[in-house]
Amino acid sequence: MADALPDRLSNNPDSPYYNEEILAKGVGIRFNGTEKTNVDEYCVSEGWIRVIAGNAKDRFGNPMTIKLKGKVEPYLQSSD
């Protein structure tokens, strides 16, 4: 299936799970039945997402993230 999303995907270009082609198509995330717009990374098989925690930064200037566990449902957003 051409529209199959990977098990794990990240928005961070330094991550080995970063895929610019898929992200350009527009990926949406439903987490425990709720739409999430601040997801930085997800893993379907392990059942977690990383969300950006406000304006906090780590010592390298990257946004701080929080790992949440639950049911992860990624999908391609329609371009209509």
N, C-alpha and C. Protein backbone atom coordinates (compact mmCIF):
# COMPACT_ATOMS: atom_id res chain seq x y z
N MET A 1 0.84 -1.18 0.00
CA MET A 1 0.00 0.00 0.00
C MET A 1 0.90 1.25 0.00
N ALA A 2 0.67 2.15 -0.90
CA ALA A 2 1.53 3.32 -1.07
C ALA A 2 1.36 4.33 0.07
N ASP A 3 0.20 4.37 0.72
CA ASP A 3 -0.06 5.34 1.77
C ASP A 3 0.23 4.80 3.17
N ALA A 4 0.95 3.68 3.26
CA ALA A 4 1.26 3.10 4.57
C ALA A 4 2.26 3.98 5.30
N LEU A 5 1.95 4.30 6.52
CA LEU A 5 2.84 5.12 7.35
C LEU A 5 3.79 4.22 8.12
N PRO A 6 4.99 4.69 8.43
CA PRO A 6 5.95 3.88 9.18
C PRO A 6 5.49 3.69 10.63
N ASP A 7 6.04 2.65 11.26
CA ASP A 7 5.73 2.37 12.66
C ASP A 7 6.20 3.50 13.57
N ARG A 8 7.30 4.13 13.17
CA ARG A 8 7.87 5.21 13.99
C ARG A 8 8.27 6.36 13.08
N LEU A 9 7.95 7.59 13.48
CA LEU A 9 8.26 8.76 12.68
C LEU A 9 8.55 9.94 13.60
N SER A 10 9.53 10.77 13.18
CA SER A 10 9.93 11.92 13.98
C SER A 10 9.96 13.18 13.14
N ASN A 11 9.69 14.34 13.76
CA ASN A 11 9.79 15.64 13.10
C ASN A 11 11.20 16.20 13.15
N ASN A 12 12.07 15.61 13.95
CA ASN A 12 13.43 16.12 14.15
C ASN A 12 14.35 15.62 13.03
N PRO A 13 14.93 16.53 12.23
CA PRO A 13 15.81 16.11 11.13
C PRO A 13 17.05 15.33 11.58
N ASP A 14 17.45 15.45 12.84
CA ASP A 14 18.61 14.72 13.35
C ASP A 14 18.28 13.29 13.75
N SER A 15 17.01 12.93 13.78
CA SER A 15 16.57 11.60 14.20
C SER A 15 16.69 10.60 13.04
N PRO A 16 17.04 9.34 13.35
CA PRO A 16 17.07 8.32 12.30
C PRO A 16 15.67 7.97 11.79
N TYR A 17 14.63 8.42 12.48
CA TYR A 17 13.24 8.13 12.09
C TYR A 17 12.59 9.28 11.34
N TYR A 18 13.38 10.26 10.96
CA TYR A 18 12.89 11.42 10.20
C TYR A 18 12.72 11.02 8.73
N ASN A 19 11.57 11.39 8.12
CA ASN A 19 11.33 11.12 6.71
C ASN A 19 10.61 12.33 6.11
N GLU A 20 11.35 13.15 5.41
CA GLU A 20 10.81 14.41 4.89
C GLU A 20 9.69 14.18 3.88
N GLU A 21 9.79 13.14 3.05
CA GLU A 21 8.78 12.87 2.03
C GLU A 21 7.41 12.59 2.66
N ILE A 22 7.40 11.79 3.70
CA ILE A 22 6.13 11.44 4.36
C ILE A 22 5.59 12.65 5.12
N LEU A 23 6.45 13.38 5.81
CA LEU A 23 6.00 14.55 6.56
C LEU A 23 5.42 15.62 5.64
N ALA A 24 5.94 15.74 4.42
CA ALA A 24 5.45 16.73 3.46
C ALA A 24 4.01 16.43 3.03
N LYS A 25 3.62 15.16 3.10
CA LYS A 25 2.25 14.77 2.74
C LYS A 25 1.25 15.20 3.80
N GLY A 26 1.71 15.40 5.01
CA GLY A 26 0.84 15.80 6.12
C GLY A 26 0.39 14.60 6.92
N VAL A 27 0.97 14.41 8.07
CA VAL A 27 0.63 13.28 8.94
C VAL A 27 -0.13 13.80 10.15
N GLY A 28 -1.28 13.21 10.41
CA GLY A 28 -2.07 13.54 11.60
C GLY A 28 -1.95 12.42 12.61
N ILE A 29 -2.13 12.73 13.88
CA ILE A 29 -2.04 11.73 14.95
C ILE A 29 -3.29 11.80 15.82
N ARG A 30 -3.91 10.64 16.01
CA ARG A 30 -4.98 10.49 16.99
C ARG A 30 -4.39 9.69 18.14
N PHE A 31 -4.44 10.26 19.34
CA PHE A 31 -3.88 9.61 20.52
C PHE A 31 -5.00 9.40 21.51
N ASN A 32 -5.29 8.13 21.81
CA ASN A 32 -6.41 7.76 22.68
C ASN A 32 -7.71 8.41 22.22
N GLY A 33 -7.90 8.50 20.89
CA GLY A 33 -9.13 9.04 20.32
C GLY A 33 -9.17 10.55 20.20
N THR A 34 -8.11 11.25 20.61
CA THR A 34 -8.07 12.71 20.56
C THR A 34 -7.03 13.17 19.54
N GLU A 35 -7.39 14.16 18.74
CA GLU A 35 -6.46 14.73 17.77
C GLU A 35 -5.35 15.49 18.48
N LYS A 36 -4.10 15.19 18.14
CA LYS A 36 -2.95 15.90 18.73
C LYS A 36 -2.22 16.64 17.62
N THR A 37 -1.88 17.91 17.88
CA THR A 37 -1.20 18.72 16.88
C THR A 37 0.24 19.06 17.27
N ASN A 38 0.65 18.71 18.48
CA ASN A 38 1.99 19.05 18.95
C ASN A 38 2.89 17.82 19.11
N VAL A 39 2.66 16.79 18.30
CA VAL A 39 3.43 15.56 18.40
C VAL A 39 4.78 15.73 17.69
N ASP A 40 5.86 15.40 18.39
CA ASP A 40 7.20 15.50 17.84
C ASP A 40 7.64 14.15 17.26
N GLU A 41 7.23 13.06 17.89
CA GLU A 41 7.61 11.71 17.44
C GLU A 41 6.55 10.74 17.93
N TYR A 42 6.37 9.64 17.18
CA TYR A 42 5.42 8.61 17.62
C TYR A 42 5.97 7.23 17.32
N CYS A 43 5.46 6.22 18.03
CA CYS A 43 5.77 4.82 17.77
C CYS A 43 4.48 4.03 18.00
N VAL A 44 3.95 3.44 16.94
CA VAL A 44 2.69 2.71 17.02
C VAL A 44 2.86 1.40 17.79
N SER A 45 3.91 0.61 17.46
CA SER A 45 4.07 -0.72 18.07
C SER A 45 4.32 -0.65 19.58
N GLU A 46 5.01 0.39 20.04
CA GLU A 46 5.28 0.54 21.47
C GLU A 46 4.20 1.36 22.17
N GLY A 47 3.33 2.03 21.40
CA GLY A 47 2.20 2.77 21.97
C GLY A 47 2.58 4.04 22.72
N TRP A 48 3.37 4.91 22.10
CA TRP A 48 3.72 6.17 22.75
C TRP A 48 3.88 7.28 21.72
N ILE A 49 3.77 8.52 22.24
CA ILE A 49 4.06 9.72 21.46
C ILE A 49 4.93 10.63 22.32
N ARG A 50 5.70 11.50 21.68
CA ARG A 50 6.44 12.54 22.37
C ARG A 50 5.82 13.87 21.96
N VAL A 51 5.38 14.64 22.94
CA VAL A 51 4.78 15.95 22.68
C VAL A 51 5.69 17.04 23.23
N ILE A 52 5.67 18.17 22.56
CA ILE A 52 6.49 19.30 22.98
C ILE A 52 5.91 19.91 24.25
N ALA A 53 6.78 20.16 25.23
CA ALA A 53 6.36 20.66 26.54
C ALA A 53 6.53 22.17 26.62
N GLY A 54 5.57 22.90 26.09
CA GLY A 54 5.60 24.36 26.19
C GLY A 54 6.79 24.98 25.49
N ASN A 55 7.38 26.01 26.12
CA ASN A 55 8.52 26.71 25.54
C ASN A 55 9.85 26.25 26.13
N ALA A 56 9.84 25.21 26.95
CA ALA A 56 11.06 24.75 27.60
C ALA A 56 12.05 24.21 26.58
N LYS A 57 13.33 24.48 26.81
CA LYS A 57 14.41 24.02 25.92
C LYS A 57 15.42 23.21 26.73
N ASP A 58 16.06 22.23 26.07
CA ASP A 58 17.13 21.50 26.73
C ASP A 58 18.44 22.28 26.59
N ARG A 59 19.53 21.74 27.05
CA ARG A 59 20.79 22.48 27.04
C ARG A 59 21.36 22.71 25.65
N PHE A 60 20.81 22.01 24.64
CA PHE A 60 21.24 22.19 23.26
C PHE A 60 20.31 23.12 22.48
N GLY A 61 19.28 23.63 23.15
CA GLY A 61 18.34 24.54 22.51
C GLY A 61 17.18 23.86 21.81
N ASN A 62 17.07 22.54 21.97
CA ASN A 62 15.96 21.79 21.38
C ASN A 62 14.75 21.82 22.32
N PRO A 63 13.54 21.75 21.77
CA PRO A 63 12.36 21.75 22.64
C PRO A 63 12.32 20.51 23.53
N MET A 64 11.91 20.70 24.78
CA MET A 64 11.75 19.58 25.71
C MET A 64 10.49 18.82 25.32
N THR A 65 10.52 17.51 25.49
CA THR A 65 9.37 16.68 25.14
C THR A 65 8.97 15.80 26.32
N ILE A 66 7.72 15.38 26.30
CA ILE A 66 7.16 14.48 27.30
C ILE A 66 6.65 13.25 26.57
N LYS A 67 6.95 12.06 27.09
CA LYS A 67 6.50 10.81 26.48
C LYS A 67 5.18 10.40 27.12
N LEU A 68 4.15 10.20 26.28
CA LEU A 68 2.84 9.76 26.74
C LEU A 68 2.54 8.39 26.15
N LYS A 69 1.99 7.48 26.95
CA LYS A 69 1.67 6.14 26.48
C LYS A 69 0.18 5.99 26.27
N GLY A 70 -0.19 5.28 25.21
CA GLY A 70 -1.59 5.05 24.88
C GLY A 70 -1.72 4.53 23.47
N LYS A 71 -2.94 4.58 22.94
CA LYS A 71 -3.21 4.10 21.58
C LYS A 71 -2.88 5.19 20.57
N VAL A 72 -1.97 4.87 19.64
CA VAL A 72 -1.50 5.82 18.62
C VAL A 72 -2.07 5.43 17.27
N GLU A 73 -2.73 6.39 16.59
CA GLU A 73 -3.30 6.16 15.27
C GLU A 73 -2.84 7.25 14.30
N PRO A 74 -1.75 6.99 13.55
CA PRO A 74 -1.32 7.98 12.56
C PRO A 74 -2.15 7.86 11.28
N TYR A 75 -2.33 8.96 10.57
CA TYR A 75 -3.05 8.95 9.30
C TYR A 75 -2.55 10.08 8.43
N LEU A 76 -2.74 9.93 7.13
CA LEU A 76 -2.40 11.01 6.20
C LEU A 76 -3.56 12.00 6.15
N GLN A 77 -3.24 13.27 6.29
CA GLN A 77 -4.27 14.30 6.26
C GLN A 77 -4.67 14.52 4.80
N SER A 78 -5.94 14.70 4.58
CA SER A 78 -6.42 14.90 3.21
C SER A 78 -6.01 16.28 2.71
N SER A 79 -5.70 16.37 1.43
CA SER A 79 -5.28 17.63 0.83
C SER A 79 -6.43 18.34 0.13
N ASP A 80 -7.65 17.96 0.42
CA ASP A 80 -8.83 18.55 -0.21
C ASP A 80 -9.10 19.95 0.29
